[in-house]
Amino acid sequence: MNALRQHSNRPQSHKSFRTKQKLARAQKQNRPIPQWIRLRTNNTIRYNAKRRHWRKTRLGI
């Protein structure tokens, strides 16, 4: 029983379209900022503050 419970948080291979859209959006957002944005005048953005690591933080879908 414990073996089944441990793998319950694995992603499904058969996803609904809405779940797939949310995962795709999260994947697009999870990237560093482009270098040309750092070079702009009066730029205060140094890094992407909303960066997410796949193992540390879950999406909660």
N, C-alpha and C. Protein backbone atom coordinates (compact mmCIF):
# COMPACT_ATOMS: atom_id res chain seq x y z
N MET A 1 0.82 -1.20 0.00
CA MET A 1 0.00 0.00 0.00
C MET A 1 0.86 1.26 0.00
N ASN A 2 1.95 1.25 0.76
CA ASN A 2 2.82 2.42 0.81
C ASN A 2 3.50 2.68 -0.52
N ALA A 3 3.80 1.61 -1.26
CA ALA A 3 4.44 1.78 -2.57
C ALA A 3 3.53 2.52 -3.53
N LEU A 4 2.24 2.26 -3.44
CA LEU A 4 1.29 2.95 -4.31
C LEU A 4 1.14 4.41 -3.90
N ARG A 5 1.17 4.66 -2.62
CA ARG A 5 0.97 6.01 -2.11
C ARG A 5 2.13 6.93 -2.46
N GLN A 6 3.33 6.40 -2.54
CA GLN A 6 4.50 7.22 -2.82
C GLN A 6 4.47 7.78 -4.23
N HIS A 7 3.90 7.06 -5.17
CA HIS A 7 3.92 7.48 -6.57
C HIS A 7 2.64 8.20 -6.99
N SER A 8 1.82 8.59 -6.04
CA SER A 8 0.55 9.22 -6.40
C SER A 8 0.73 10.65 -6.91
N ASN A 9 1.87 11.29 -6.61
CA ASN A 9 2.07 12.66 -7.06
C ASN A 9 2.80 12.74 -8.40
N ARG A 10 2.97 11.61 -9.08
CA ARG A 10 3.61 11.62 -10.38
C ARG A 10 2.64 12.18 -11.42
N PRO A 11 3.14 12.87 -12.44
CA PRO A 11 2.25 13.43 -13.46
C PRO A 11 1.61 12.33 -14.30
N GLN A 12 0.39 12.55 -14.68
CA GLN A 12 -0.34 11.57 -15.48
C GLN A 12 0.13 11.63 -16.92
N SER A 13 0.10 10.47 -17.57
CA SER A 13 0.44 10.47 -18.99
C SER A 13 -0.76 10.93 -19.82
N HIS A 14 -1.97 10.68 -19.34
CA HIS A 14 -3.19 11.16 -20.01
C HIS A 14 -3.66 12.41 -19.29
N LYS A 15 -3.41 13.57 -19.91
CA LYS A 15 -3.76 14.85 -19.29
C LYS A 15 -4.97 15.44 -19.99
N SER A 16 -5.75 16.21 -19.26
CA SER A 16 -6.81 16.97 -19.90
C SER A 16 -6.17 18.15 -20.63
N PHE A 17 -6.88 18.72 -21.55
CA PHE A 17 -6.33 19.82 -22.34
C PHE A 17 -6.05 21.04 -21.47
N ARG A 18 -6.93 21.28 -20.50
CA ARG A 18 -6.74 22.42 -19.60
C ARG A 18 -5.48 22.26 -18.75
N THR A 19 -5.24 21.05 -18.26
CA THR A 19 -4.02 20.79 -17.49
C THR A 19 -2.80 20.97 -18.36
N LYS A 20 -2.87 20.50 -19.59
CA LYS A 20 -1.74 20.62 -20.51
C LYS A 20 -1.44 22.08 -20.81
N GLN A 21 -2.48 22.90 -20.95
CA GLN A 21 -2.30 24.33 -21.19
C GLN A 21 -1.61 25.00 -20.00
N LYS A 22 -2.02 24.64 -18.78
CA LYS A 22 -1.41 25.24 -17.60
C LYS A 22 0.05 24.85 -17.48
N LEU A 23 0.36 23.60 -17.78
CA LEU A 23 1.75 23.15 -17.73
C LEU A 23 2.59 23.86 -18.78
N ALA A 24 2.03 24.07 -19.97
CA ALA A 24 2.76 24.75 -21.04
C ALA A 24 3.02 26.20 -20.69
N ARG A 25 2.03 26.86 -20.09
CA ARG A 25 2.21 28.26 -19.68
C ARG A 25 3.28 28.38 -18.61
N ALA A 26 3.26 27.47 -17.64
CA ALA A 26 4.26 27.49 -16.57
C ALA A 26 5.65 27.23 -17.13
N GLN A 27 5.74 26.38 -18.14
CA GLN A 27 7.04 26.09 -18.74
C GLN A 27 7.58 27.30 -19.48
N LYS A 28 6.70 28.06 -20.13
CA LYS A 28 7.14 29.27 -20.85
C LYS A 28 7.60 30.36 -19.88
N GLN A 29 6.91 30.48 -18.76
CA GLN A 29 7.25 31.53 -17.79
C GLN A 29 8.55 31.22 -17.04
N ASN A 30 8.90 29.96 -16.97
CA ASN A 30 10.03 29.54 -16.14
C ASN A 30 11.33 29.59 -16.94
N ARG A 31 11.79 30.78 -17.23
CA ARG A 31 13.04 30.95 -17.96
C ARG A 31 13.71 32.24 -17.50
N PRO A 32 15.02 32.35 -17.68
CA PRO A 32 15.68 33.60 -17.28
C PRO A 32 15.30 34.75 -18.20
N ILE A 33 15.53 35.98 -17.73
CA ILE A 33 15.22 37.13 -18.57
C ILE A 33 16.26 37.22 -19.68
N PRO A 34 15.88 37.73 -20.85
CA PRO A 34 16.85 37.88 -21.94
C PRO A 34 17.95 38.88 -21.58
N GLN A 35 19.13 38.66 -22.13
CA GLN A 35 20.27 39.52 -21.80
C GLN A 35 20.08 40.95 -22.30
N TRP A 36 19.36 41.14 -23.42
CA TRP A 36 19.19 42.49 -23.95
C TRP A 36 18.33 43.34 -23.03
N ILE A 37 17.48 42.72 -22.22
CA ILE A 37 16.68 43.49 -21.26
C ILE A 37 17.57 44.03 -20.15
N ARG A 38 18.58 43.26 -19.76
CA ARG A 38 19.51 43.72 -18.72
C ARG A 38 20.36 44.89 -19.21
N LEU A 39 20.57 44.99 -20.51
CA LEU A 39 21.43 46.05 -21.05
C LEU A 39 20.69 47.36 -21.31
N ARG A 40 19.37 47.37 -21.16
CA ARG A 40 18.62 48.60 -21.42
C ARG A 40 18.97 49.70 -20.42
N THR A 41 18.73 50.93 -20.83
CA THR A 41 19.00 52.09 -19.97
C THR A 41 18.01 52.11 -18.81
N ASN A 42 18.47 52.50 -17.66
CA ASN A 42 17.67 52.60 -16.43
C ASN A 42 16.98 51.27 -16.09
N ASN A 43 17.66 50.19 -16.34
CA ASN A 43 17.07 48.89 -16.05
C ASN A 43 17.36 48.49 -14.60
N THR A 44 16.31 48.05 -13.90
CA THR A 44 16.48 47.60 -12.52
C THR A 44 16.26 46.10 -12.40
N ILE A 45 15.81 45.45 -13.46
CA ILE A 45 15.57 44.01 -13.42
C ILE A 45 16.88 43.27 -13.61
N ARG A 46 17.25 42.45 -12.65
CA ARG A 46 18.50 41.70 -12.75
C ARG A 46 18.25 40.23 -13.04
N TYR A 47 17.16 39.69 -12.51
CA TYR A 47 16.87 38.27 -12.71
C TYR A 47 15.36 38.06 -12.62
N ASN A 48 14.91 36.88 -13.00
CA ASN A 48 13.50 36.53 -12.94
C ASN A 48 13.18 36.09 -11.51
N ALA A 49 12.44 36.92 -10.79
CA ALA A 49 12.12 36.64 -9.39
C ALA A 49 11.12 35.51 -9.26
N LYS A 50 10.37 35.21 -10.32
CA LYS A 50 9.34 34.17 -10.25
C LYS A 50 9.82 32.84 -10.81
N ARG A 51 11.14 32.67 -10.88
CA ARG A 51 11.71 31.42 -11.39
C ARG A 51 11.33 30.28 -10.46
N ARG A 52 11.00 29.13 -11.02
CA ARG A 52 10.51 27.99 -10.24
C ARG A 52 11.34 26.76 -10.56
N HIS A 53 11.75 26.04 -9.51
CA HIS A 53 12.47 24.79 -9.70
C HIS A 53 11.48 23.64 -9.64
N TRP A 54 11.58 22.71 -10.55
CA TRP A 54 10.58 21.65 -10.69
C TRP A 54 10.48 20.75 -9.47
N ARG A 55 11.56 20.65 -8.70
CA ARG A 55 11.53 19.74 -7.56
C ARG A 55 11.21 20.47 -6.25
N LYS A 56 11.59 21.73 -6.16
CA LYS A 56 11.40 22.48 -4.91
C LYS A 56 9.98 23.02 -4.78
N THR A 57 9.44 23.59 -5.84
CA THR A 57 8.13 24.23 -5.78
C THR A 57 7.19 23.58 -6.78
N ARG A 58 6.03 23.17 -6.31
CA ARG A 58 5.03 22.55 -7.17
C ARG A 58 4.07 23.61 -7.69
N LEU A 59 3.40 23.30 -8.79
CA LEU A 59 2.47 24.25 -9.39
C LEU A 59 1.12 24.26 -8.67
N GLY A 60 0.74 23.14 -8.11
CA GLY A 60 -0.54 23.06 -7.42
C GLY A 60 -1.70 22.87 -8.36
N ILE A 61 -1.47 22.14 -9.45
CA ILE A 61 -2.57 21.87 -10.40
C ILE A 61 -3.30 20.62 -9.94
